[in-house]
Amino acid sequence: MAGIIEVVARRLGISPERLEREALEVWLRRKLALVEAEIAEILARYGVRSAEELEERIRRGEVAEHPAWEDLITLERLFEEKRKLSEALRF
């Protein structure tokens, strides 16, 4: 029995490889957009342009440590996820 990719590809009249490649690209771009939106939300919350700037504002006491430190950790994770997604899109 054919897999879902093969069935859908056949119905669309394209190769399974093309369908997989295009579906993966769409998924990666959507995921990247969600990550970028989350990054923008955190940066806007503190009025900063980077994780480094947020960290500096925390250290100087310009923003409350809680929840800013947690947001900084989240922000760093999101930047790493963005890097990985961007790399995956280059293949």
PDB file of N, CA and C in Angstrom:
ATOM      1  N   MET A   1       0.848  -1.191   0.000  1.00  0.00           N
ATOM      2  CA  MET A   1       0.000   0.000   0.000  1.00  0.00           C
ATOM      3  C   MET A   1       0.888   1.247   0.000  1.00  0.00           C
ATOM      4  N   ALA A   2       0.543   2.193  -0.819  1.00  0.00           N
ATOM      5  CA  ALA A   2       1.331   3.421  -0.958  1.00  0.00           C
ATOM      6  C   ALA A   2       1.153   4.310   0.276  1.00  0.00           C
ATOM      7  N   GLY A   3       2.230   5.045   0.603  1.00  0.00           N
ATOM      8  CA  GLY A   3       2.177   5.984   1.716  1.00  0.00           C
ATOM      9  C   GLY A   3       1.432   7.255   1.325  1.00  0.00           C
ATOM     10  N   ILE A   4       1.123   8.048   2.303  1.00  0.00           N
ATOM     11  CA  ILE A   4       0.346   9.273   2.077  1.00  0.00           C
ATOM     12  C   ILE A   4       1.054  10.220   1.115  1.00  0.00           C
ATOM     13  N   ILE A   5       2.377  10.310   1.201  1.00  0.00           N
ATOM     14  CA  ILE A   5       3.129  11.192   0.298  1.00  0.00           C
ATOM     15  C   ILE A   5       2.918  10.756  -1.146  1.00  0.00           C
ATOM     16  N   GLU A   6       3.033   9.462  -1.391  1.00  0.00           N
ATOM     17  CA  GLU A   6       2.871   8.956  -2.753  1.00  0.00           C
ATOM     18  C   GLU A   6       1.456   9.187  -3.264  1.00  0.00           C
ATOM     19  N   VAL A   7       0.458   8.963  -2.406  1.00  0.00           N
ATOM     20  CA  VAL A   7      -0.945   9.144  -2.808  1.00  0.00           C
ATOM     21  C   VAL A   7      -1.214  10.603  -3.154  1.00  0.00           C
ATOM     22  N   VAL A   8      -0.805  11.501  -2.282  1.00  0.00           N
ATOM     23  CA  VAL A   8      -1.056  12.933  -2.514  1.00  0.00           C
ATOM     24  C   VAL A   8      -0.273  13.408  -3.733  1.00  0.00           C
ATOM     25  N   ALA A   9       0.976  12.996  -3.855  1.00  0.00           N
ATOM     26  CA  ALA A   9       1.792  13.400  -5.009  1.00  0.00           C
ATOM     27  C   ALA A   9       1.144  12.946  -6.302  1.00  0.00           C
ATOM     28  N   ARG A  10       0.685  11.730  -6.310  1.00  0.00           N
ATOM     29  CA  ARG A  10       0.035  11.208  -7.517  1.00  0.00           C
ATOM     30  C   ARG A  10      -1.206  12.046  -7.852  1.00  0.00           C
ATOM     31  N   ARG A  11      -2.013  12.360  -6.857  1.00  0.00           N
ATOM     32  CA  ARG A  11      -3.226  13.168  -7.077  1.00  0.00           C
ATOM     33  C   ARG A  11      -2.892  14.574  -7.563  1.00  0.00           C
ATOM     34  N   LEU A  12      -1.746  15.100  -7.121  1.00  0.00           N
ATOM     35  CA  LEU A  12      -1.336  16.442  -7.542  1.00  0.00           C
ATOM     36  C   LEU A  12      -0.547  16.432  -8.842  1.00  0.00           C
ATOM     37  N   GLY A  13      -0.147  15.247  -9.262  1.00  0.00           N
ATOM     38  CA  GLY A  13       0.607  15.128 -10.503  1.00  0.00           C
ATOM     39  C   GLY A  13       2.050  15.589 -10.388  1.00  0.00           C
ATOM     40  N   ILE A  14       2.621  15.415  -9.206  1.00  0.00           N
ATOM     41  CA  ILE A  14       4.028  15.767  -9.001  1.00  0.00           C
ATOM     42  C   ILE A  14       4.747  14.572  -8.385  1.00  0.00           C
ATOM     43  N   SER A  15       6.050  14.617  -8.387  1.00  0.00           N
ATOM     44  CA  SER A  15       6.814  13.504  -7.812  1.00  0.00           C
ATOM     45  C   SER A  15       6.738  13.555  -6.285  1.00  0.00           C
ATOM     46  N   PRO A  16       6.811  12.393  -5.650  1.00  0.00           N
ATOM     47  CA  PRO A  16       6.835  12.373  -4.187  1.00  0.00           C
ATOM     48  C   PRO A  16       8.010  13.170  -3.622  1.00  0.00           C
ATOM     49  N   GLU A  17       9.138  13.129  -4.302  1.00  0.00           N
ATOM     50  CA  GLU A  17      10.315  13.876  -3.835  1.00  0.00           C
ATOM     51  C   GLU A  17      10.051  15.378  -3.835  1.00  0.00           C
ATOM     52  N   ARG A  18       9.417  15.851  -4.907  1.00  0.00           N
ATOM     53  CA  ARG A  18       9.102  17.292  -4.992  1.00  0.00           C
ATOM     54  C   ARG A  18       8.115  17.677  -3.897  1.00  0.00           C
ATOM     55  N   LEU A  19       7.102  16.861  -3.688  1.00  0.00           N
ATOM     56  CA  LEU A  19       6.124  17.143  -2.636  1.00  0.00           C
ATOM     57  C   LEU A  19       6.798  17.187  -1.268  1.00  0.00           C
ATOM     58  N   GLU A  20       7.630  16.226  -0.975  1.00  0.00           N
ATOM     59  CA  GLU A  20       8.338  16.209   0.306  1.00  0.00           C
ATOM     60  C   GLU A  20       9.207  17.447   0.476  1.00  0.00           C
ATOM     61  N   ARG A  21       9.960  17.789  -0.557  1.00  0.00           N
ATOM     62  CA  ARG A  21      10.865  18.942  -0.495  1.00  0.00           C
ATOM     63  C   ARG A  21      10.080  20.234  -0.277  1.00  0.00           C
ATOM     64  N   GLU A  22       8.995  20.413  -1.045  1.00  0.00           N
ATOM     65  CA  GLU A  22       8.215  21.643  -0.923  1.00  0.00           C
ATOM     66  C   GLU A  22       7.468  21.704   0.406  1.00  0.00           C
ATOM     67  N   ALA A  23       6.957  20.571   0.862  1.00  0.00           N
ATOM     68  CA  ALA A  23       6.261  20.536   2.149  1.00  0.00           C
ATOM     69  C   ALA A  23       7.228  20.863   3.287  1.00  0.00           C
ATOM     70  N   LEU A  24       8.428  20.320   3.219  1.00  0.00           N
ATOM     71  CA  LEU A  24       9.424  20.593   4.245  1.00  0.00           C
ATOM     72  C   LEU A  24       9.809  22.067   4.246  1.00  0.00           C
ATOM     73  N   GLU A  25       9.982  22.635   3.072  1.00  0.00           N
ATOM     74  CA  GLU A  25      10.337  24.053   2.986  1.00  0.00           C
ATOM     75  C   GLU A  25       9.240  24.929   3.586  1.00  0.00           C
ATOM     76  N   VAL A  26       7.980  24.621   3.272  1.00  0.00           N
ATOM     77  CA  VAL A  26       6.860  25.388   3.825  1.00  0.00           C
ATOM     78  C   VAL A  26       6.846  25.271   5.347  1.00  0.00           C
ATOM     79  N   TRP A  27       7.051  24.064   5.863  1.00  0.00           N
ATOM     80  CA  TRP A  27       7.053  23.848   7.310  1.00  0.00           C
ATOM     81  C   TRP A  27       8.177  24.637   7.967  1.00  0.00           C
ATOM     82  N   LEU A  28       9.373  24.569   7.384  1.00  0.00           N
ATOM     83  CA  LEU A  28      10.517  25.292   7.944  1.00  0.00           C
ATOM     84  C   LEU A  28      10.274  26.795   7.944  1.00  0.00           C
ATOM     85  N   ARG A  29       9.739  27.328   6.856  1.00  0.00           N
ATOM     86  CA  ARG A  29       9.466  28.773   6.773  1.00  0.00           C
ATOM     87  C   ARG A  29       8.404  29.203   7.788  1.00  0.00           C
ATOM     88  N   ARG A  30       7.381  28.379   7.959  1.00  0.00           N
ATOM     89  CA  ARG A  30       6.326  28.685   8.936  1.00  0.00           C
ATOM     90  C   ARG A  30       6.892  28.663  10.348  1.00  0.00           C
ATOM     91  N   LYS A  31       7.665  27.650  10.657  1.00  0.00           N
ATOM     92  CA  LYS A  31       8.275  27.534  11.976  1.00  0.00           C
ATOM     93  C   LYS A  31       9.219  28.712  12.231  1.00  0.00           C
ATOM     94  N   LEU A  32       9.999  29.088  11.219  1.00  0.00           N
ATOM     95  CA  LEU A  32      10.910  30.225  11.339  1.00  0.00           C
ATOM     96  C   LEU A  32      10.133  31.512  11.611  1.00  0.00           C
ATOM     97  N   ALA A  33       9.026  31.706  10.924  1.00  0.00           N
ATOM     98  CA  ALA A  33       8.209  32.905  11.138  1.00  0.00           C
ATOM     99  C   ALA A  33       7.665  32.949  12.564  1.00  0.00           C
ATOM    100  N   LEU A  34       7.245  31.808  13.093  1.00  0.00           N
ATOM    101  CA  LEU A  34       6.746  31.760  14.469  1.00  0.00           C
ATOM    102  C   LEU A  34       7.852  32.082  15.469  1.00  0.00           C
ATOM    103  N   VAL A  35       9.032  31.549  15.236  1.00  0.00           N
ATOM    104  CA  VAL A  35      10.177  31.814  16.115  1.00  0.00           C
ATOM    105  C   VAL A  35      10.539  33.300  16.052  1.00  0.00           C
ATOM    106  N   GLU A  36      10.584  33.857  14.855  1.00  0.00           N
ATOM    107  CA  GLU A  36      10.908  35.280  14.708  1.00  0.00           C
ATOM    108  C   GLU A  36       9.872  36.164  15.386  1.00  0.00           C
ATOM    109  N   ALA A  37       8.608  35.778  15.324  1.00  0.00           N
ATOM    110  CA  ALA A  37       7.550  36.547  15.985  1.00  0.00           C
ATOM    111  C   ALA A  37       7.720  36.508  17.498  1.00  0.00           C
ATOM    112  N   GLU A  38       8.084  35.350  18.028  1.00  0.00           N
ATOM    113  CA  GLU A  38       8.295  35.225  19.461  1.00  0.00           C
ATOM    114  C   GLU A  38       9.510  36.047  19.900  1.00  0.00           C
ATOM    115  N   ILE A  39      10.566  36.028  19.095  1.00  0.00           N
ATOM    116  CA  ILE A  39      11.749  36.851  19.385  1.00  0.00           C
ATOM    117  C   ILE A  39      11.351  38.329  19.411  1.00  0.00           C
ATOM    118  N   ALA A  40      10.637  38.765  18.397  1.00  0.00           N
ATOM    119  CA  ALA A  40      10.227  40.175  18.310  1.00  0.00           C
ATOM    120  C   ALA A  40       9.372  40.583  19.502  1.00  0.00           C
ATOM    121  N   GLU A  41       8.513  39.686  19.945  1.00  0.00           N
ATOM    122  CA  GLU A  41       7.650  39.986  21.089  1.00  0.00           C
ATOM    123  C   GLU A  41       8.472  40.213  22.361  1.00  0.00           C
ATOM    124  N   ILE A  42       9.453  39.353  22.596  1.00  0.00           N
ATOM    125  CA  ILE A  42      10.286  39.498  23.794  1.00  0.00           C
ATOM    126  C   ILE A  42      11.130  40.765  23.712  1.00  0.00           C
ATOM    127  N   LEU A  43      11.744  41.014  22.558  1.00  0.00           N
ATOM    128  CA  LEU A  43      12.567  42.222  22.406  1.00  0.00           C
ATOM    129  C   LEU A  43      11.723  43.478  22.609  1.00  0.00           C
ATOM    130  N   ALA A  44      10.520  43.489  22.045  1.00  0.00           N
ATOM    131  CA  ALA A  44       9.637  44.651  22.178  1.00  0.00           C
ATOM    132  C   ALA A  44       9.205  44.860  23.629  1.00  0.00           C
ATOM    133  N   ARG A  45       9.000  43.776  24.330  1.00  0.00           N
ATOM    134  CA  ARG A  45       8.582  43.850  25.738  1.00  0.00           C
ATOM    135  C   ARG A  45       9.574  44.664  26.573  1.00  0.00           C
ATOM    136  N   TYR A  46      10.858  44.566  26.218  1.00  0.00           N
ATOM    137  CA  TYR A  46      11.894  45.254  26.989  1.00  0.00           C
ATOM    138  C   TYR A  46      12.488  46.459  26.244  1.00  0.00           C
ATOM    139  N   GLY A  47      12.011  46.706  25.036  1.00  0.00           N
ATOM    140  CA  GLY A  47      12.502  47.843  24.271  1.00  0.00           C
ATOM    141  C   GLY A  47      13.961  47.709  23.891  1.00  0.00           C
ATOM    142  N   VAL A  48      14.376  46.484  23.540  1.00  0.00           N
ATOM    143  CA  VAL A  48      15.767  46.225  23.169  1.00  0.00           C
ATOM    144  C   VAL A  48      15.821  45.634  21.768  1.00  0.00           C
ATOM    145  N   ARG A  49      17.053  45.604  21.201  1.00  0.00           N
ATOM    146  CA  ARG A  49      17.225  45.076  19.846  1.00  0.00           C
ATOM    147  C   ARG A  49      17.971  43.747  19.807  1.00  0.00           C
ATOM    148  N   SER A  50      18.465  43.287  20.982  1.00  0.00           N
ATOM    149  CA  SER A  50      19.237  42.051  20.997  1.00  0.00           C
ATOM    150  C   SER A  50      19.203  41.431  22.388  1.00  0.00           C
ATOM    151  N   ALA A  51      19.604  40.150  22.436  1.00  0.00           N
ATOM    152  CA  ALA A  51      19.717  39.468  23.727  1.00  0.00           C
ATOM    153  C   ALA A  51      20.799  40.131  24.573  1.00  0.00           C
ATOM    154  N   GLU A  52      21.866  40.549  23.927  1.00  0.00           N
ATOM    155  CA  GLU A  52      22.964  41.197  24.644  1.00  0.00           C
ATOM    156  C   GLU A  52      22.502  42.506  25.295  1.00  0.00           C
ATOM    157  N   GLU A  53      21.703  43.252  24.577  1.00  0.00           N
ATOM    158  CA  GLU A  53      21.193  44.509  25.128  1.00  0.00           C
ATOM    159  C   GLU A  53      20.266  44.237  26.313  1.00  0.00           C
ATOM    160  N   LEU A  54      19.442  43.201  26.213  1.00  0.00           N
ATOM    161  CA  LEU A  54      18.577  42.841  27.338  1.00  0.00           C
ATOM    162  C   LEU A  54      19.420  42.438  28.546  1.00  0.00           C
ATOM    163  N   GLU A  55      20.432  41.624  28.328  1.00  0.00           N
ATOM    164  CA  GLU A  55      21.292  41.202  29.427  1.00  0.00           C
ATOM    165  C   GLU A  55      21.951  42.407  30.096  1.00  0.00           C
ATOM    166  N   GLU A  56      22.411  43.343  29.306  1.00  0.00           N
ATOM    167  CA  GLU A  56      23.049  44.543  29.860  1.00  0.00           C
ATOM    168  C   GLU A  56      22.051  45.351  30.689  1.00  0.00           C
ATOM    169  N   ARG A  57      20.824  45.474  30.202  1.00  0.00           N
ATOM    170  CA  ARG A  57      19.809  46.230  30.951  1.00  0.00           C
ATOM    171  C   ARG A  57      19.457  45.532  32.263  1.00  0.00           C
ATOM    172  N   ILE A  58      19.475  44.202  32.267  1.00  0.00           N
ATOM    173  CA  ILE A  58      19.229  43.459  33.512  1.00  0.00           C
ATOM    174  C   ILE A  58      20.370  43.725  34.484  1.00  0.00           C
ATOM    175  N   ARG A  59      21.603  43.603  34.002  1.00  0.00           N
ATOM    176  CA  ARG A  59      22.784  43.782  34.869  1.00  0.00           C
ATOM    177  C   ARG A  59      22.847  45.189  35.476  1.00  0.00           C
ATOM    178  N   ARG A  60      22.406  46.195  34.707  1.00  0.00           N
ATOM    179  CA  ARG A  60      22.424  47.570  35.206  1.00  0.00           C
ATOM    180  C   ARG A  60      21.223  47.882  36.095  1.00  0.00           C
ATOM    181  N   GLY A  61      20.296  46.914  36.206  1.00  0.00           N
ATOM    182  CA  GLY A  61      19.117  47.118  37.040  1.00  0.00           C
ATOM    183  C   GLY A  61      18.042  47.953  36.374  1.00  0.00           C
ATOM    184  N   GLU A  62      18.113  48.108  35.060  1.00  0.00           N
ATOM    185  CA  GLU A  62      17.128  48.913  34.338  1.00  0.00           C
ATOM    186  C   GLU A  62      15.814  48.165  34.129  1.00  0.00           C
ATOM    187  N   VAL A  63      15.865  46.845  34.208  1.00  0.00           N
ATOM    188  CA  VAL A  63      14.647  46.031  34.161  1.00  0.00           C
ATOM    189  C   VAL A  63      14.719  45.025  35.309  1.00  0.00           C
ATOM    190  N   ALA A  64      13.560  44.633  35.787  1.00  0.00           N
ATOM    191  CA  ALA A  64      13.510  43.687  36.909  1.00  0.00           C
ATOM    192  C   ALA A  64      14.092  42.341  36.479  1.00  0.00           C
ATOM    193  N   GLU A  65      14.868  41.751  37.383  1.00  0.00           N
ATOM    194  CA  GLU A  65      15.497  40.473  37.061  1.00  0.00           C
ATOM    195  C   GLU A  65      14.482  39.386  36.745  1.00  0.00           C
ATOM    196  N   HIS A  66      13.357  39.429  37.442  1.00  0.00           N
ATOM    197  CA  HIS A  66      12.319  38.432  37.172  1.00  0.00           C
ATOM    198  C   HIS A  66      11.139  39.144  36.538  1.00  0.00           C
ATOM    199  N   PRO A  67      10.679  38.773  35.391  1.00  0.00           N
ATOM    200  CA  PRO A  67      10.997  37.569  34.618  1.00  0.00           C
ATOM    201  C   PRO A  67      12.044  37.776  33.521  1.00  0.00           C
ATOM    202  N   ALA A  68      12.782  38.874  33.566  1.00  0.00           N
ATOM    203  CA  ALA A  68      13.702  39.191  32.470  1.00  0.00           C
ATOM    204  C   ALA A  68      14.757  38.107  32.252  1.00  0.00           C
ATOM    205  N   TRP A  69      15.294  37.516  33.332  1.00  0.00           N
ATOM    206  CA  TRP A  69      16.300  36.467  33.150  1.00  0.00           C
ATOM    207  C   TRP A  69      15.697  35.267  32.429  1.00  0.00           C
ATOM    208  N   GLU A  70      14.475  34.905  32.803  1.00  0.00           N
ATOM    209  CA  GLU A  70      13.810  33.779  32.138  1.00  0.00           C
ATOM    210  C   GLU A  70      13.567  34.105  30.666  1.00  0.00           C
ATOM    211  N   ASP A  71      13.154  35.345  30.406  1.00  0.00           N
ATOM    212  CA  ASP A  71      12.941  35.763  29.016  1.00  0.00           C
ATOM    213  C   ASP A  71      14.253  35.759  28.238  1.00  0.00           C
ATOM    214  N   LEU A  72      15.337  36.136  28.895  1.00  0.00           N
ATOM    215  CA  LEU A  72      16.648  36.120  28.237  1.00  0.00           C
ATOM    216  C   LEU A  72      17.041  34.689  27.858  1.00  0.00           C
ATOM    217  N   ILE A  73      16.811  33.759  28.763  1.00  0.00           N
ATOM    218  CA  ILE A  73      17.096  32.353  28.476  1.00  0.00           C
ATOM    219  C   ILE A  73      16.246  31.876  27.303  1.00  0.00           C
ATOM    220  N   THR A  74      14.978  32.222  27.318  1.00  0.00           N
ATOM    221  CA  THR A  74      14.081  31.864  26.213  1.00  0.00           C
ATOM    222  C   THR A  74      14.559  32.497  24.920  1.00  0.00           C
ATOM    223  N   LEU A  75      14.945  33.748  24.984  1.00  0.00           N
ATOM    224  CA  LEU A  75      15.417  34.466  23.810  1.00  0.00           C
ATOM    225  C   LEU A  75      16.652  33.803  23.212  1.00  0.00           C
ATOM    226  N   GLU A  76      17.585  33.422  24.050  1.00  0.00           N
ATOM    227  CA  GLU A  76      18.794  32.747  23.559  1.00  0.00           C
ATOM    228  C   GLU A  76      18.451  31.416  22.892  1.00  0.00           C
ATOM    229  N   ARG A  77      17.508  30.680  23.471  1.00  0.00           N
ATOM    230  CA  ARG A  77      17.060  29.418  22.871  1.00  0.00           C
ATOM    231  C   ARG A  77      16.395  29.673  21.520  1.00  0.00           C
ATOM    232  N   LEU A  78      15.586  30.720  21.462  1.00  0.00           N
ATOM    233  CA  LEU A  78      14.907  31.054  20.211  1.00  0.00           C
ATOM    234  C   LEU A  78      15.896  31.463  19.123  1.00  0.00           C
ATOM    235  N   PHE A  79      16.917  32.235  19.483  1.00  0.00           N
ATOM    236  CA  PHE A  79      17.931  32.607  18.492  1.00  0.00           C
ATOM    237  C   PHE A  79      18.665  31.382  17.967  1.00  0.00           C
ATOM    238  N   GLU A  80      18.916  30.407  18.837  1.00  0.00           N
ATOM    239  CA  GLU A  80      19.554  29.171  18.398  1.00  0.00           C
ATOM    240  C   GLU A  80      18.628  28.377  17.477  1.00  0.00           C
ATOM    241  N   GLU A  81      17.357  28.333  17.825  1.00  0.00           N
ATOM    242  CA  GLU A  81      16.390  27.642  16.966  1.00  0.00           C
ATOM    243  C   GLU A  81      16.285  28.340  15.609  1.00  0.00           C
ATOM    244  N   LYS A  82      16.296  29.664  15.623  1.00  0.00           N
ATOM    245  CA  LYS A  82      16.252  30.424  14.371  1.00  0.00           C
ATOM    246  C   LYS A  82      17.462  30.099  13.505  1.00  0.00           C
ATOM    247  N   ARG A  83      18.635  30.011  14.121  1.00  0.00           N
ATOM    248  CA  ARG A  83      19.851  29.676  13.382  1.00  0.00           C
ATOM    249  C   ARG A  83      19.725  28.304  12.728  1.00  0.00           C
ATOM    250  N   LYS A  84      19.246  27.334  13.480  1.00  0.00           N
ATOM    251  CA  LYS A  84      19.102  25.977  12.957  1.00  0.00           C
ATOM    252  C   LYS A  84      18.089  25.921  11.817  1.00  0.00           C
ATOM    253  N   LEU A  85      16.970  26.603  11.976  1.00  0.00           N
ATOM    254  CA  LEU A  85      15.955  26.622  10.918  1.00  0.00           C
ATOM    255  C   LEU A  85      16.494  27.299   9.658  1.00  0.00           C
ATOM    256  N   SER A  86      17.204  28.395   9.838  1.00  0.00           N
ATOM    257  CA  SER A  86      17.787  29.108   8.695  1.00  0.00           C
ATOM    258  C   SER A  86      18.795  28.230   7.969  1.00  0.00           C
ATOM    259  N   GLU A  87      19.601  27.504   8.736  1.00  0.00           N
ATOM    260  CA  GLU A  87      20.561  26.590   8.131  1.00  0.00           C
ATOM    261  C   GLU A  87      19.836  25.500   7.338  1.00  0.00           C
ATOM    262  N   ALA A  88      18.789  24.948   7.913  1.00  0.00           N
ATOM    263  CA  ALA A  88      18.030  23.885   7.253  1.00  0.00           C
ATOM    264  C   ALA A  88      17.424  24.391   5.936  1.00  0.00           C
ATOM    265  N   LEU A  89      17.033  25.631   5.887  1.00  0.00           N
ATOM    266  CA  LEU A  89      16.448  26.195   4.662  1.00  0.00           C
ATOM    267  C   LEU A  89      17.477  26.376   3.549  1.00  0.00           C
ATOM    268  N   ARG A  90      18.749  26.400   3.893  1.00  0.00           N
ATOM    269  CA  ARG A  90      19.792  26.579   2.874  1.00  0.00           C
ATOM    270  C   ARG A  90      20.095  25.300   2.122  1.00  0.00           C
ATOM    271  N   PHE A  91      19.601  24.149   2.588  1.00  0.00           N
ATOM    272  CA  PHE A  91      19.903  22.879   1.915  1.00  0.00           C
ATOM    273  C   PHE A  91      18.998  22.610   0.762  1.00  0.00           C
TER     274      PHE A  91
END
